[in-house]
């Protein structure tokens, strides 16, 4: 059950952080040059995407990364793999995990999707967007866990 909860929290946090991009896209009617906090994926697997597809692929990619972020963090907690902090759901453990997740996404996920290391094929500043997004995911998850965590739960 913890795995589902972690994945759901990660996906919901990611979706919540994509709301400004959704509002901006709706207000501007597709004329947004660069979506805030989302990686604008213009080509995927060799296929060039139109403006509308870029938006939906960016939302899907962002939410999927958030869902995996939450799910894999729970895997780390359950297997006691938090080697630096040994403190599940703490601020420091989520920040360290966010940095590691950013590295894995940059070196594995993005190249696997044909976007280059750290998404370099999609833009020069994609790496910083990814870094900000991963840290916001970590901070968002930490805030949600702190809010819903029973007072008698000991880390």
Protein backbone atom coordinates (compact mmCIF):
# COMPACT_ATOMS: atom_id res chain seq x y z
CA UNK A 1 0.00 0.00 0.00
CA UNK A 2 2.90 2.35 0.71
CA UNK A 3 4.06 2.00 -2.89
CA UNK A 4 0.70 3.19 -4.23
CA UNK A 5 0.64 6.05 -1.76
CA UNK A 6 4.18 7.15 -2.68
CA UNK A 7 3.40 7.00 -6.39
CA UNK A 8 0.13 8.88 -5.90
CA UNK A 9 1.74 11.60 -3.80
CA UNK A 10 4.57 12.01 -6.31
CA UNK A 11 2.17 12.18 -9.25
CA UNK A 12 -0.15 14.62 -7.49
CA UNK A 13 2.70 16.89 -6.44
CA UNK A 14 4.03 16.88 -10.01
CA UNK A 15 0.58 17.63 -11.40
CA UNK A 16 0.07 20.42 -8.86
CA UNK A 17 3.34 22.02 -9.99
CA UNK A 18 2.18 21.80 -13.61
CA UNK A 19 -0.98 23.83 -12.93
CA UNK A 20 0.71 27.18 -13.72
CA UNK A 21 1.71 25.79 -17.12
CA UNK A 22 -1.83 24.50 -17.71
CA UNK A 23 -3.33 27.89 -16.81
CA UNK A 24 -0.81 29.76 -18.95
CA UNK A 25 -1.40 27.42 -21.89
CA UNK A 26 -5.17 27.86 -21.55
CA UNK A 27 -5.02 31.64 -21.27
CA UNK A 28 -2.51 32.06 -24.10
CA UNK A 29 -4.30 29.47 -26.30
CA UNK A 30 -1.19 27.55 -27.27
CA UNK A 31 1.10 30.53 -27.87
CA UNK A 32 3.38 29.92 -24.89
CA UNK A 33 7.03 29.86 -25.89
CA UNK A 34 8.35 27.92 -22.89
CA UNK A 35 6.12 26.18 -20.35
CA UNK A 36 7.07 26.98 -16.74
CA UNK A 37 8.58 24.03 -14.81
CA UNK A 38 7.88 21.63 -17.67
CA UNK A 39 10.35 20.36 -20.21
CA UNK A 40 9.08 21.28 -23.66
CA UNK A 41 9.68 18.05 -25.55
CA UNK A 42 9.55 19.01 -29.21
CA UNK A 43 10.68 15.68 -30.65
CA UNK A 44 10.33 12.25 -29.15
CA UNK A 45 11.60 9.00 -30.62
CA UNK A 46 12.43 10.90 -33.80
CA UNK A 47 8.90 12.28 -34.29
CA UNK A 48 8.49 16.04 -34.41
CA UNK A 49 5.55 17.18 -32.27
CA UNK A 50 3.19 20.05 -33.03
CA UNK A 51 2.47 22.78 -30.45
CA UNK A 52 -0.53 21.00 -28.90
CA UNK A 53 1.30 17.67 -28.67
CA UNK A 54 4.28 19.37 -27.00
CA UNK A 55 2.02 20.58 -24.21
CA UNK A 56 0.35 17.22 -23.57
CA UNK A 57 3.59 15.25 -23.80
CA UNK A 58 5.22 17.71 -21.36
CA UNK A 59 2.34 17.25 -18.87
CA UNK A 60 2.44 13.45 -19.26
CA UNK A 61 6.23 13.31 -18.95
CA UNK A 62 6.22 15.61 -15.91
CA UNK A 63 3.50 13.65 -14.11
CA UNK A 64 5.14 10.32 -14.95
CA UNK A 65 8.48 11.52 -13.58
CA UNK A 66 6.69 12.67 -10.40
CA UNK A 67 4.90 9.34 -10.02
CA UNK A 68 8.14 7.41 -10.45
CA UNK A 69 9.86 9.82 -8.07
CA UNK A 70 7.37 8.99 -5.31
CA UNK A 71 7.27 5.26 -6.04
CA UNK A 72 11.02 4.77 -6.13
CA UNK A 73 11.51 6.82 -2.97
CA UNK A 74 9.24 4.37 -1.11
CA UNK A 75 11.31 1.49 -2.55
CA UNK A 76 14.41 3.16 -1.09
CA UNK A 77 12.70 3.60 2.29
CA UNK A 78 11.33 0.03 2.44
CA UNK A 79 14.73 -1.48 1.55
CA UNK A 80 16.61 0.86 3.92
CA UNK A 81 18.70 2.26 1.07
CA UNK A 82 18.87 5.80 2.45
CA UNK A 83 22.61 5.47 2.92
CA UNK A 84 23.35 9.11 3.76
CA UNK A 85 20.62 9.92 6.25
CA UNK A 86 18.97 6.65 7.38
CA UNK A 87 15.99 8.87 8.14
CA UNK A 88 12.96 8.13 5.96
CA UNK A 89 10.76 11.01 4.88
CA UNK A 90 13.09 13.63 6.36
CA UNK A 91 13.82 16.85 4.50
CA UNK A 92 17.49 15.97 3.98
CA UNK A 93 16.77 12.46 2.70
CA UNK A 94 14.26 13.81 0.17
CA UNK A 95 16.68 16.52 -1.00
CA UNK A 96 19.49 13.99 -1.45
CA UNK A 97 17.08 11.64 -3.20
CA UNK A 98 15.90 14.50 -5.47
CA UNK A 99 19.48 15.19 -6.51
CA UNK A 100 20.09 11.50 -7.24
CA UNK A 101 16.81 11.27 -9.12
CA UNK A 102 17.83 14.29 -11.20
CA UNK A 103 21.11 12.56 -12.10
CA UNK A 104 19.34 9.34 -13.11
CA UNK A 105 16.75 11.22 -15.17
CA UNK A 106 19.47 13.24 -16.87
CA UNK A 107 21.79 10.33 -17.65
CA UNK A 108 19.27 7.52 -18.23
CA UNK A 109 15.66 8.61 -18.82
CA UNK A 110 16.23 11.55 -21.14
CA UNK A 111 18.78 9.77 -23.36
CA UNK A 112 16.47 6.72 -23.51
CA UNK A 113 13.71 8.99 -24.88
CA UNK A 114 16.10 10.39 -27.49
CA UNK A 115 16.37 13.78 -25.80
CA UNK A 116 20.11 13.63 -25.11
CA UNK A 117 21.94 13.81 -21.79
CA UNK A 118 19.97 16.12 -19.47
CA UNK A 119 17.67 16.95 -22.39
CA UNK A 120 20.31 18.96 -24.26
CA UNK A 121 18.52 18.38 -27.57
CA UNK A 122 15.49 20.23 -26.24
CA UNK A 123 17.34 23.28 -24.95
CA UNK A 124 20.39 24.55 -23.14
CA UNK A 125 18.58 25.22 -19.86
CA UNK A 126 16.62 21.97 -19.57
CA UNK A 127 19.04 20.69 -16.94
CA UNK A 128 18.19 23.57 -14.60
CA UNK A 129 14.44 23.11 -15.18
CA UNK A 130 14.85 19.44 -14.30
CA UNK A 131 16.89 20.25 -11.20
CA UNK A 132 14.30 22.76 -9.97
CA UNK A 133 11.48 20.32 -10.70
CA UNK A 134 13.14 17.45 -8.83
CA UNK A 135 13.86 19.62 -5.80
CA UNK A 136 10.29 20.93 -5.83
CA UNK A 137 9.02 17.35 -6.00
CA UNK A 138 11.17 16.44 -3.00
CA UNK A 139 10.08 19.47 -1.00
CA UNK A 140 6.43 18.94 -1.96
CA UNK A 141 6.52 15.30 -0.90
CA UNK A 142 8.19 16.25 2.37
CA UNK A 143 5.51 18.87 3.08
CA UNK A 144 2.69 16.44 2.36
CA UNK A 145 4.22 13.71 4.52
CA UNK A 146 4.75 16.22 7.36
CA UNK A 147 1.16 17.39 7.11
CA UNK A 148 -0.42 13.93 7.07
CA UNK A 149 2.08 12.14 9.28
CA UNK A 150 0.55 11.14 12.61
CA UNK A 151 2.23 12.77 15.61
CA UNK A 152 3.05 9.37 17.10
CA UNK A 153 5.01 8.25 14.01
CA UNK A 154 8.73 8.11 14.75
CA UNK A 155 11.18 8.44 11.84
